[in-house]
Amino acid sequence: MADRTCTAILAAAFLGVHRFGDFQRLIHDTAPHTLNTRLGLLTDEGILTRVPLREGARRTGYRLTPKGHDFFPTFAFLIAWSEQRFTADGLAGVRISHVTCGNPLAPR
C-alpha cells in the first residue's frame, strides 16, 4: 500500500482536501483510475472514510479516520527526514507549522 500516490493522498488529506477533484488537482500526475484505486485502498484499510459532502447529498468526499489521524506523527517525521536528506536547501516541499504560533514543527 505504501507508494507515492498514497503518501500524496495522505498529505492532501492532512491539508484538508476532501473531494476527488481536489485530490486530482493536487496530485495532477496521477491517472484518475489510479487515484480512485488508492482512495479505495485507503478507505478499505480504515485510514479514510467516505462521507456526504453536504447533509443529504449523494456526492461523497473523504475524511481521515482516527486511524488516519494517528499516522500524523509518522508523517511529520518523514517530512523532517526528507528535509535533511533530499533537498539542497534543507527545506521540504511541505512545511508543517503550529496553528497557534506559526512556528515550524520540529518532531521529536
PDB file of N, CA and C in Angstrom:
ATOM      1  N   MET A   1       0.808  -1.194   0.000  1.00  0.00           N
ATOM      2  CA  MET A   1       0.000   0.000   0.000  1.00  0.00           C
ATOM      3  C   MET A   1       0.851   1.257   0.000  1.00  0.00           C
ATOM      4  N   ALA A   2       2.038   1.206   0.503  1.00  0.00           N
ATOM      5  CA  ALA A   2       2.857   2.412   0.601  1.00  0.00           C
ATOM      6  C   ALA A   2       3.470   2.734  -0.757  1.00  0.00           C
ATOM      7  N   ASP A   3       2.942   3.743  -1.415  1.00  0.00           N
ATOM      8  CA  ASP A   3       3.527   4.244  -2.645  1.00  0.00           C
ATOM      9  C   ASP A   3       3.377   5.757  -2.642  1.00  0.00           C
ATOM     10  N   ARG A   4       3.939   6.389  -3.636  1.00  0.00           N
ATOM     11  CA  ARG A   4       3.939   7.854  -3.627  1.00  0.00           C
ATOM     12  C   ARG A   4       2.532   8.435  -3.763  1.00  0.00           C
ATOM     13  N   THR A   5       1.624   7.723  -4.441  1.00  0.00           N
ATOM     14  CA  THR A   5       0.265   8.234  -4.564  1.00  0.00           C
ATOM     15  C   THR A   5      -0.450   8.202  -3.225  1.00  0.00           C
ATOM     16  N   CYS A   6      -0.314   7.107  -2.477  1.00  0.00           N
ATOM     17  CA  CYS A   6      -0.929   7.030  -1.142  1.00  0.00           C
ATOM     18  C   CYS A   6      -0.347   8.100  -0.225  1.00  0.00           C
ATOM     19  N   THR A   7       0.957   8.315  -0.316  1.00  0.00           N
ATOM     20  CA  THR A   7       1.596   9.340   0.505  1.00  0.00           C
ATOM     21  C   THR A   7       1.063  10.724   0.135  1.00  0.00           C
ATOM     22  N   ALA A   8       0.921  10.987  -1.161  1.00  0.00           N
ATOM     23  CA  ALA A   8       0.392  12.282  -1.605  1.00  0.00           C
ATOM     24  C   ALA A   8      -1.061  12.465  -1.177  1.00  0.00           C
ATOM     25  N   ILE A   9      -1.850  11.393  -1.238  1.00  0.00           N
ATOM     26  CA  ILE A   9      -3.246  11.470  -0.792  1.00  0.00           C
ATOM     27  C   ILE A   9      -3.293  11.797   0.694  1.00  0.00           C
ATOM     28  N   LEU A  10      -2.471  11.132   1.494  1.00  0.00           N
ATOM     29  CA  LEU A  10      -2.448  11.412   2.935  1.00  0.00           C
ATOM     30  C   LEU A  10      -2.017  12.849   3.206  1.00  0.00           C
ATOM     31  N   ALA A  11      -1.012  13.315   2.485  1.00  0.00           N
ATOM     32  CA  ALA A  11      -0.571  14.708   2.664  1.00  0.00           C
ATOM     33  C   ALA A  11      -1.719  15.659   2.358  1.00  0.00           C
ATOM     34  N   ALA A  12      -2.418  15.413   1.259  1.00  0.00           N
ATOM     35  CA  ALA A  12      -3.549  16.270   0.894  1.00  0.00           C
ATOM     36  C   ALA A  12      -4.656  16.193   1.943  1.00  0.00           C
ATOM     37  N   ALA A  13      -4.929  15.000   2.450  1.00  0.00           N
ATOM     38  CA  ALA A  13      -5.966  14.846   3.476  1.00  0.00           C
ATOM     39  C   ALA A  13      -5.580  15.603   4.747  1.00  0.00           C
ATOM     40  N   PHE A  14      -4.303  15.557   5.128  1.00  0.00           N
ATOM     41  CA  PHE A  14      -3.855  16.315   6.300  1.00  0.00           C
ATOM     42  C   PHE A  14      -3.989  17.821   6.063  1.00  0.00           C
ATOM     43  N   LEU A  15      -3.928  18.246   4.799  1.00  0.00           N
ATOM     44  CA  LEU A  15      -4.100  19.659   4.465  1.00  0.00           C
ATOM     45  C   LEU A  15      -5.562  20.050   4.336  1.00  0.00           C
ATOM     46  N   GLY A  16      -6.472  19.076   4.484  1.00  0.00           N
ATOM     47  CA  GLY A  16      -7.892  19.385   4.480  1.00  0.00           C
ATOM     48  C   GLY A  16      -8.618  19.089   3.180  1.00  0.00           C
ATOM     49  N   VAL A  17      -7.985  18.406   2.243  1.00  0.00           N
ATOM     50  CA  VAL A  17      -8.640  18.051   0.984  1.00  0.00           C
ATOM     51  C   VAL A  17      -9.624  16.920   1.247  1.00  0.00           C
ATOM     52  N   HIS A  18     -10.815  17.018   0.647  1.00  0.00           N
ATOM     53  CA  HIS A  18     -11.857  16.008   0.860  1.00  0.00           C
ATOM     54  C   HIS A  18     -12.446  15.465  -0.438  1.00  0.00           C
ATOM     55  N   ARG A  19     -12.451  16.253  -1.501  1.00  0.00           N
ATOM     56  CA  ARG A  19     -13.141  15.882  -2.730  1.00  0.00           C
ATOM     57  C   ARG A  19     -12.182  15.255  -3.744  1.00  0.00           C
ATOM     58  N   PHE A  20     -12.709  14.283  -4.513  1.00  0.00           N
ATOM     59  CA  PHE A  20     -11.912  13.603  -5.521  1.00  0.00           C
ATOM     60  C   PHE A  20     -11.251  14.606  -6.467  1.00  0.00           C
ATOM     61  N   GLY A  21     -12.023  15.567  -6.965  1.00  0.00           N
ATOM     62  CA  GLY A  21     -11.487  16.555  -7.899  1.00  0.00           C
ATOM     63  C   GLY A  21     -10.352  17.372  -7.303  1.00  0.00           C
ATOM     64  N   ASP A  22     -10.438  17.664  -6.019  1.00  0.00           N
ATOM     65  CA  ASP A  22      -9.365  18.424  -5.357  1.00  0.00           C
ATOM     66  C   ASP A  22      -8.115  17.568  -5.191  1.00  0.00           C
ATOM     67  N   PHE A  23      -8.298  16.278  -4.862  1.00  0.00           N
ATOM     68  CA  PHE A  23      -7.146  15.370  -4.828  1.00  0.00           C
ATOM     69  C   PHE A  23      -6.508  15.320  -6.213  1.00  0.00           C
ATOM     70  N   GLN A  24      -7.339  15.216  -7.240  1.00  0.00           N
ATOM     71  CA  GLN A  24      -6.853  15.098  -8.609  1.00  0.00           C
ATOM     72  C   GLN A  24      -6.074  16.346  -9.025  1.00  0.00           C
ATOM     73  N   ARG A  25      -6.548  17.535  -8.667  1.00  0.00           N
ATOM     74  CA  ARG A  25      -5.842  18.774  -8.991  1.00  0.00           C
ATOM     75  C   ARG A  25      -4.496  18.849  -8.276  1.00  0.00           C
ATOM     76  N   LEU A  26      -4.463  18.413  -7.031  1.00  0.00           N
ATOM     77  CA  LEU A  26      -3.232  18.474  -6.248  1.00  0.00           C
ATOM     78  C   LEU A  26      -2.231  17.413  -6.687  1.00  0.00           C
ATOM     79  N   ILE A  27      -2.726  16.247  -7.055  1.00  0.00           N
ATOM     80  CA  ILE A  27      -1.866  15.128  -7.465  1.00  0.00           C
ATOM     81  C   ILE A  27      -2.081  14.940  -8.970  1.00  0.00           C
ATOM     82  N   HIS A  28      -1.757  15.961  -9.736  1.00  0.00           N
ATOM     83  CA  HIS A  28      -2.114  16.031 -11.147  1.00  0.00           C
ATOM     84  C   HIS A  28      -1.392  15.031 -12.042  1.00  0.00           C
ATOM     85  N   ASP A  29      -0.310  14.427 -11.580  1.00  0.00           N
ATOM     86  CA  ASP A  29       0.415  13.477 -12.427  1.00  0.00           C
ATOM     87  C   ASP A  29      -0.037  12.025 -12.216  1.00  0.00           C
ATOM     88  N   THR A  30      -1.172  11.839 -11.544  1.00  0.00           N
ATOM     89  CA  THR A  30      -1.717  10.512 -11.290  1.00  0.00           C
ATOM     90  C   THR A  30      -3.002  10.332 -12.094  1.00  0.00           C
ATOM     91  N   ALA A  31      -3.098   9.208 -12.780  1.00  0.00           N
ATOM     92  CA  ALA A  31      -4.293   8.913 -13.574  1.00  0.00           C
ATOM     93  C   ALA A  31      -5.512   8.796 -12.661  1.00  0.00           C
ATOM     94  N   PRO A  32      -6.690   9.226 -13.117  1.00  0.00           N
ATOM     95  CA  PRO A  32      -7.898   9.130 -12.294  1.00  0.00           C
ATOM     96  C   PRO A  32      -8.164   7.713 -11.784  1.00  0.00           C
ATOM     97  N   HIS A  33      -7.923   6.706 -12.614  1.00  0.00           N
ATOM     98  CA  HIS A  33      -8.135   5.324 -12.184  1.00  0.00           C
ATOM     99  C   HIS A  33      -7.218   4.961 -11.011  1.00  0.00           C
ATOM    100  N   THR A  34      -5.959   5.368 -11.106  1.00  0.00           N
ATOM    101  CA  THR A  34      -5.002   5.091 -10.028  1.00  0.00           C
ATOM    102  C   THR A  34      -5.410   5.818  -8.759  1.00  0.00           C
ATOM    103  N   LEU A  35      -5.804   7.085  -8.887  1.00  0.00           N
ATOM    104  CA  LEU A  35      -6.240   7.853  -7.722  1.00  0.00           C
ATOM    105  C   LEU A  35      -7.451   7.196  -7.075  1.00  0.00           C
ATOM    106  N   ASN A  36      -8.415   6.799  -7.885  1.00  0.00           N
ATOM    107  CA  ASN A  36      -9.612   6.149  -7.372  1.00  0.00           C
ATOM    108  C   ASN A  36      -9.265   4.824  -6.661  1.00  0.00           C
ATOM    109  N   THR A  37      -8.352   4.058  -7.254  1.00  0.00           N
ATOM    110  CA  THR A  37      -7.925   2.794  -6.648  1.00  0.00           C
ATOM    111  C   THR A  37      -7.260   3.030  -5.300  1.00  0.00           C
ATOM    112  N   ARG A  38      -6.372   4.027  -5.219  1.00  0.00           N
ATOM    113  CA  ARG A  38      -5.663   4.301  -3.960  1.00  0.00           C
ATOM    114  C   ARG A  38      -6.611   4.848  -2.899  1.00  0.00           C
ATOM    115  N   LEU A  39      -7.553   5.705  -3.295  1.00  0.00           N
ATOM    116  CA  LEU A  39      -8.544   6.196  -2.333  1.00  0.00           C
ATOM    117  C   LEU A  39      -9.371   5.029  -1.795  1.00  0.00           C
ATOM    118  N   GLY A  40      -9.733   4.100  -2.658  1.00  0.00           N
ATOM    119  CA  GLY A  40     -10.463   2.914  -2.226  1.00  0.00           C
ATOM    120  C   GLY A  40      -9.643   2.057  -1.278  1.00  0.00           C
ATOM    121  N   LEU A  41      -8.364   1.914  -1.580  1.00  0.00           N
ATOM    122  CA  LEU A  41      -7.477   1.123  -0.716  1.00  0.00           C
ATOM    123  C   LEU A  41      -7.345   1.755   0.667  1.00  0.00           C
ATOM    124  N   LEU A  42      -7.142   3.080   0.700  1.00  0.00           N
ATOM    125  CA  LEU A  42      -7.028   3.771   1.981  1.00  0.00           C
ATOM    126  C   LEU A  42      -8.343   3.717   2.761  1.00  0.00           C
ATOM    127  N   THR A  43      -9.455   3.704   2.043  1.00  0.00           N
ATOM    128  CA  THR A  43     -10.765   3.562   2.683  1.00  0.00           C
ATOM    129  C   THR A  43     -10.935   2.142   3.227  1.00  0.00           C
ATOM    130  N   ASP A  44     -10.576   1.149   2.416  1.00  0.00           N
ATOM    131  CA  ASP A  44     -10.674  -0.251   2.858  1.00  0.00           C
ATOM    132  C   ASP A  44      -9.808  -0.526   4.087  1.00  0.00           C
ATOM    133  N   GLU A  45      -8.675   0.155   4.176  1.00  0.00           N
ATOM    134  CA  GLU A  45      -7.762  -0.033   5.310  1.00  0.00           C
ATOM    135  C   GLU A  45      -8.192   0.763   6.547  1.00  0.00           C
ATOM    136  N   GLY A  46      -9.250   1.575   6.413  1.00  0.00           N
ATOM    137  CA  GLY A  46      -9.751   2.338   7.550  1.00  0.00           C
ATOM    138  C   GLY A  46      -8.967   3.601   7.841  1.00  0.00           C
ATOM    139  N   ILE A  47      -8.194   4.074   6.873  1.00  0.00           N
ATOM    140  CA  ILE A  47      -7.412   5.300   7.046  1.00  0.00           C
ATOM    141  C   ILE A  47      -8.239   6.516   6.632  1.00  0.00           C
ATOM    142  N   LEU A  48      -9.053   6.329   5.600  1.00  0.00           N
ATOM    143  CA  LEU A  48     -10.011   7.335   5.158  1.00  0.00           C
ATOM    144  C   LEU A  48     -11.410   6.746   5.260  1.00  0.00           C
ATOM    145  N   THR A  49     -12.392   7.609   5.333  1.00  0.00           N
ATOM    146  CA  THR A  49     -13.788   7.178   5.273  1.00  0.00           C
ATOM    147  C   THR A  49     -14.522   8.066   4.282  1.00  0.00           C
ATOM    148  N   ARG A  50     -15.524   7.509   3.643  1.00  0.00           N
ATOM    149  CA  ARG A  50     -16.353   8.288   2.714  1.00  0.00           C
ATOM    150  C   ARG A  50     -17.491   8.918   3.508  1.00  0.00           C
ATOM    151  N   VAL A  51     -17.712  10.200   3.272  1.00  0.00           N
ATOM    152  CA  VAL A  51     -18.770  10.932   3.970  1.00  0.00           C
ATOM    153  C   VAL A  51     -19.500  11.815   2.968  1.00  0.00           C
ATOM    154  N   PRO A  52     -20.800  12.077   3.209  1.00  0.00           N
ATOM    155  CA  PRO A  52     -21.518  13.012   2.324  1.00  0.00           C
ATOM    156  C   PRO A  52     -20.860  14.385   2.372  1.00  0.00           C
ATOM    157  N   LEU A  53     -20.775  15.028   1.220  1.00  0.00           N
ATOM    158  CA  LEU A  53     -20.172  16.362   1.179  1.00  0.00           C
ATOM    159  C   LEU A  53     -21.062  17.408   1.843  1.00  0.00           C
ATOM    160  N   ARG A  54     -22.370  17.194   1.772  1.00  0.00           N
ATOM    161  CA  ARG A  54     -23.344  18.063   2.451  1.00  0.00           C
ATOM    162  C   ARG A  54     -24.414  17.178   3.040  1.00  0.00           C
ATOM    163  N   GLU A  55     -25.129  17.696   3.982  1.00  0.00           N
ATOM    164  CA  GLU A  55     -26.232  16.962   4.598  1.00  0.00           C
ATOM    165  C   GLU A  55     -27.236  16.539   3.528  1.00  0.00           C
ATOM    166  N   GLY A  56     -27.496  15.268   3.441  1.00  0.00           N
ATOM    167  CA  GLY A  56     -28.460  14.743   2.491  1.00  0.00           C
ATOM    168  C   GLY A  56     -27.968  14.656   1.061  1.00  0.00           C
ATOM    169  N   ALA A  57     -26.714  14.992   0.811  1.00  0.00           N
ATOM    170  CA  ALA A  57     -26.180  14.972  -0.548  1.00  0.00           C
ATOM    171  C   ALA A  57     -25.791  13.556  -0.966  1.00  0.00           C
ATOM    172  N   ARG A  58     -25.903  13.283  -2.262  1.00  0.00           N
ATOM    173  CA  ARG A  58     -25.474  11.989  -2.789  1.00  0.00           C
ATOM    174  C   ARG A  58     -23.972  11.943  -3.001  1.00  0.00           C
ATOM    175  N   ARG A  59     -23.368  13.076  -3.306  1.00  0.00           N
ATOM    176  CA  ARG A  59     -21.914  13.117  -3.545  1.00  0.00           C
ATOM    177  C   ARG A  59     -21.178  12.965  -2.229  1.00  0.00           C
ATOM    178  N   THR A  60     -20.110  12.185  -2.281  1.00  0.00           N
ATOM    179  CA  THR A  60     -19.335  11.934  -1.073  1.00  0.00           C
ATOM    180  C   THR A  60     -17.911  12.438  -1.234  1.00  0.00           C
ATOM    181  N   GLY A  61     -17.272  12.619  -0.099  1.00  0.00           N
ATOM    182  CA  GLY A  61     -15.877  13.002  -0.055  1.00  0.00           C
ATOM    183  C   GLY A  61     -15.149  12.061   0.885  1.00  0.00           C
ATOM    184  N   TYR A  62     -13.921  12.395   1.182  1.00  0.00           N
ATOM    185  CA  TYR A  62     -13.079  11.548   2.021  1.00  0.00           C
ATOM    186  C   TYR A  62     -12.600  12.336   3.229  1.00  0.00           C
ATOM    187  N   ARG A  63     -12.607  11.685   4.369  1.00  0.00           N
ATOM    188  CA  ARG A  63     -12.102  12.276   5.614  1.00  0.00           C
ATOM    189  C   ARG A  63     -11.165  11.284   6.281  1.00  0.00           C
ATOM    190  N   LEU A  64     -10.193  11.814   6.976  1.00  0.00           N
ATOM    191  CA  LEU A  64      -9.320  10.956   7.770  1.00  0.00           C
ATOM    192  C   LEU A  64     -10.108  10.351   8.927  1.00  0.00           C
ATOM    193  N   THR A  65      -9.880   9.101   9.194  1.00  0.00           N
ATOM    194  CA  THR A  65     -10.451   8.435  10.364  1.00  0.00           C
ATOM    195  C   THR A  65      -9.498   8.649  11.534  1.00  0.00           C
ATOM    196  N   PRO A  66      -9.882   8.235  12.737  1.00  0.00           N
ATOM    197  CA  PRO A  66      -8.920   8.288  13.842  1.00  0.00           C
ATOM    198  C   PRO A  66      -7.629   7.528  13.510  1.00  0.00           C
ATOM    199  N   LYS A  67      -7.759   6.387  12.830  1.00  0.00           N
ATOM    200  CA  LYS A  67      -6.573   5.627  12.405  1.00  0.00           C
ATOM    201  C   LYS A  67      -5.713   6.476  11.470  1.00  0.00           C
ATOM    202  N   GLY A  68      -6.345   7.212  10.562  1.00  0.00           N
ATOM    203  CA  GLY A  68      -5.610   8.090   9.662  1.00  0.00           C
ATOM    204  C   GLY A  68      -4.915   9.217  10.407  1.00  0.00           C
ATOM    205  N   HIS A  69      -5.613   9.824  11.359  1.00  0.00           N
ATOM    206  CA  HIS A  69      -5.008  10.888  12.166  1.00  0.00           C
ATOM    207  C   HIS A  69      -3.833  10.363  12.982  1.00  0.00           C
ATOM    208  N   ASP A  70      -3.904   9.121  13.401  1.00  0.00           N
ATOM    209  CA  ASP A  70      -2.803   8.529  14.169  1.00  0.00           C
ATOM    210  C   ASP A  70      -1.511   8.447  13.375  1.00  0.00           C
ATOM    211  N   PHE A  71      -1.609   8.518  12.045  1.00  0.00           N
ATOM    212  CA  PHE A  71      -0.421   8.460  11.191  1.00  0.00           C
ATOM    213  C   PHE A  71       0.340   9.782  11.168  1.00  0.00           C
ATOM    214  N   PHE A  72      -0.268  10.865  11.638  1.00  0.00           N
ATOM    215  CA  PHE A  72       0.357  12.184  11.525  1.00  0.00           C
ATOM    216  C   PHE A  72       1.764  12.255  12.130  1.00  0.00           C
ATOM    217  N   PRO A  73       2.027  11.730  13.323  1.00  0.00           N
ATOM    218  CA  PRO A  73       3.400  11.817  13.837  1.00  0.00           C
ATOM    219  C   PRO A  73       4.419  11.149  12.911  1.00  0.00           C
ATOM    220  N   THR A  74       4.058  10.020  12.352  1.00  0.00           N
ATOM    221  CA  THR A  74       4.953   9.345  11.401  1.00  0.00           C
ATOM    222  C   THR A  74       5.168  10.226  10.180  1.00  0.00           C
ATOM    223  N   PHE A  75       4.103  10.817   9.680  1.00  0.00           N
ATOM    224  CA  PHE A  75       4.178  11.698   8.522  1.00  0.00           C
ATOM    225  C   PHE A  75       5.084  12.898   8.820  1.00  0.00           C
ATOM    226  N   ALA A  76       4.950  13.477   9.995  1.00  0.00           N
ATOM    227  CA  ALA A  76       5.777  14.627  10.376  1.00  0.00           C
ATOM    228  C   ALA A  76       7.265  14.247  10.398  1.00  0.00           C
ATOM    229  N   PHE A  77       7.580  13.063  10.902  1.00  0.00           N
ATOM    230  CA  PHE A  77       8.971  12.605  10.908  1.00  0.00           C
ATOM    231  C   PHE A  77       9.482  12.358   9.492  1.00  0.00           C
ATOM    232  N   LEU A  78       8.640  11.841   8.605  1.00  0.00           N
ATOM    233  CA  LEU A  78       9.044  11.629   7.209  1.00  0.00           C
ATOM    234  C   LEU A  78       9.383  12.953   6.538  1.00  0.00           C
ATOM    235  N   ILE A  79       8.588  13.967   6.786  1.00  0.00           N
ATOM    236  CA  ILE A  79       8.858  15.278   6.199  1.00  0.00           C
ATOM    237  C   ILE A  79      10.158  15.847   6.761  1.00  0.00           C
ATOM    238  N   ALA A  80      10.351  15.751   8.066  1.00  0.00           N
ATOM    239  CA  ALA A  80      11.588  16.254   8.683  1.00  0.00           C
ATOM    240  C   ALA A  80      12.801  15.504   8.132  1.00  0.00           C
ATOM    241  N   TRP A  81      12.667  14.196   7.974  1.00  0.00           N
ATOM    242  CA  TRP A  81      13.767  13.384   7.441  1.00  0.00           C
ATOM    243  C   TRP A  81      14.072  13.792   6.005  1.00  0.00           C
ATOM    244  N   SER A  82      13.040  14.010   5.192  1.00  0.00           N
ATOM    245  CA  SER A  82      13.264  14.375   3.793  1.00  0.00           C
ATOM    246  C   SER A  82      13.910  15.752   3.678  1.00  0.00           C
ATOM    247  N   GLU A  83      13.602  16.650   4.606  1.00  0.00           N
ATOM    248  CA  GLU A  83      14.249  17.973   4.606  1.00  0.00           C
ATOM    249  C   GLU A  83      15.755  17.832   4.770  1.00  0.00           C
ATOM    250  N   GLN A  84      16.175  16.901   5.614  1.00  0.00           N
ATOM    251  CA  GLN A  84      17.593  16.723   5.899  1.00  0.00           C
ATOM    252  C   GLN A  84      18.318  15.936   4.814  1.00  0.00           C
ATOM    253  N   ARG A  85      17.613  15.059   4.118  1.00  0.00           N
ATOM    254  CA  ARG A  85      18.280  14.122   3.221  1.00  0.00           C
ATOM    255  C   ARG A  85      18.134  14.390   1.725  1.00  0.00           C
ATOM    256  N   PHE A  86      17.073  15.077   1.322  1.00  0.00           N
ATOM    257  CA  PHE A  86      16.785  15.138  -0.108  1.00  0.00           C
ATOM    258  C   PHE A  86      16.710  16.517  -0.726  1.00  0.00           C
ATOM    259  N   THR A  87      16.990  17.553   0.012  1.00  0.00           N
ATOM    260  CA  THR A  87      16.929  18.876  -0.593  1.00  0.00           C
ATOM    261  C   THR A  87      18.228  19.624  -0.362  1.00  0.00           C
ATOM    262  N   ALA A  88      18.623  20.376  -1.362  1.00  0.00           N
ATOM    263  CA  ALA A  88      19.870  21.141  -1.261  1.00  0.00           C
ATOM    264  C   ALA A  88      19.760  22.252  -0.225  1.00  0.00           C
ATOM    265  N   ASP A  89      18.559  22.841  -0.099  1.00  0.00           N
ATOM    266  CA  ASP A  89      18.398  23.957   0.827  1.00  0.00           C
ATOM    267  C   ASP A  89      17.890  23.531   2.204  1.00  0.00           C
ATOM    268  N   GLY A  90      17.675  22.214   2.406  1.00  0.00           N
ATOM    269  CA  GLY A  90      17.198  21.733   3.695  1.00  0.00           C
ATOM    270  C   GLY A  90      15.730  21.959   3.940  1.00  0.00           C
ATOM    271  N   LEU A  91      14.991  22.281   2.892  1.00  0.00           N
ATOM    272  CA  LEU A  91      13.558  22.513   3.031  1.00  0.00           C
ATOM    273  C   LEU A  91      12.786  21.506   2.182  1.00  0.00           C
ATOM    274  N   ALA A  92      11.751  20.960   2.757  1.00  0.00           N
ATOM    275  CA  ALA A  92      10.902  20.029   2.009  1.00  0.00           C
ATOM    276  C   ALA A  92       9.862  20.820   1.231  1.00  0.00           C
ATOM    277  N   GLY A  93       9.177  20.151   0.324  1.00  0.00           N
ATOM    278  CA  GLY A  93       8.109  20.796  -0.424  1.00  0.00           C
ATOM    279  C   GLY A  93       6.899  21.068   0.440  1.00  0.00           C
ATOM    280  N   VAL A  94       6.812  20.397   1.585  1.00  0.00           N
ATOM    281  CA  VAL A  94       5.711  20.576   2.530  1.00  0.00           C
ATOM    282  C   VAL A  94       6.297  21.090   3.836  1.00  0.00           C
ATOM    283  N   ARG A  95       5.685  22.091   4.385  1.00  0.00           N
ATOM    284  CA  ARG A  95       6.146  22.648   5.663  1.00  0.00           C
ATOM    285  C   ARG A  95       5.013  22.515   6.662  1.00  0.00           C
ATOM    286  N   ILE A  96       5.281  21.896   7.801  1.00  0.00           N
ATOM    287  CA  ILE A  96       4.280  21.752   8.851  1.00  0.00           C
ATOM    288  C   ILE A  96       4.538  22.827   9.896  1.00  0.00           C
ATOM    289  N   SER A  97       3.501  23.603  10.187  1.00  0.00           N
ATOM    290  CA  SER A  97       3.617  24.679  11.175  1.00  0.00           C
ATOM    291  C   SER A  97       2.546  24.523  12.240  1.00  0.00           C
ATOM    292  N   HIS A  98       2.863  25.014  13.442  1.00  0.00           N
ATOM    293  CA  HIS A  98       1.875  25.051  14.519  1.00  0.00           C
ATOM    294  C   HIS A  98       0.803  26.071  14.152  1.00  0.00           C
ATOM    295  N   VAL A  99      -0.439  25.699  14.354  1.00  0.00           N
ATOM    296  CA  VAL A  99      -1.531  26.616  14.025  1.00  0.00           C
ATOM    297  C   VAL A  99      -1.510  27.832  14.939  1.00  0.00           C
ATOM    298  N   THR A 100      -1.246  27.630  16.218  1.00  0.00           N
ATOM    299  CA  THR A 100      -1.356  28.722  17.181  1.00  0.00           C
ATOM    300  C   THR A 100      -0.229  29.742  17.077  1.00  0.00           C
ATOM    301  N   CYS A 101       1.007  29.286  16.858  1.00  0.00           N
ATOM    302  CA  CYS A 101       2.130  30.242  16.849  1.00  0.00           C
ATOM    303  C   CYS A 101       2.750  30.429  15.478  1.00  0.00           C
ATOM    304  N   GLY A 102       2.485  29.537  14.541  1.00  0.00           N
ATOM    305  CA  GLY A 102       3.038  29.680  13.195  1.00  0.00           C
ATOM    306  C   GLY A 102       4.464  29.179  13.016  1.00  0.00           C
ATOM    307  N   ASN A 103       5.092  28.733  14.093  1.00  0.00           N
ATOM    308  CA  ASN A 103       6.461  28.231  14.005  1.00  0.00           C
ATOM    309  C   ASN A 103       6.492  26.862  13.345  1.00  0.00           C
ATOM    310  N   PRO A 104       7.581  26.537  12.631  1.00  0.00           N
ATOM    311  CA  PRO A 104       7.706  25.217  12.013  1.00  0.00           C
ATOM    312  C   PRO A 104       7.695  24.112  13.080  1.00  0.00           C
ATOM    313  N   LEU A 105       7.079  22.994  12.722  1.00  0.00           N
ATOM    314  CA  LEU A 105       7.050  21.840  13.613  1.00  0.00           C
ATOM    315  C   LEU A 105       8.373  21.098  13.503  1.00  0.00           C
ATOM    316  N   ALA A 106       8.987  20.810  14.632  1.00  0.00           N
ATOM    317  CA  ALA A 106      10.208  20.014  14.696  1.00  0.00           C
ATOM    318  C   ALA A 106       9.906  18.776  15.513  1.00  0.00           C
ATOM    319  N   PRO A 107       9.519  17.668  14.843  1.00  0.00           N
ATOM    320  CA  PRO A 107       9.136  16.469  15.606  1.00  0.00           C
ATOM    321  C   PRO A 107      10.299  15.918  16.409  1.00  0.00           C
ATOM    322  N   ARG A 108       9.988  15.382  17.577  1.00  0.00           N
ATOM    323  CA  ARG A 108      10.993  14.797  18.474  1.00  0.00           C
ATOM    324  C   ARG A 108      10.481  13.481  18.989  1.00  0.00           C
TER     325      ARG A 108
END
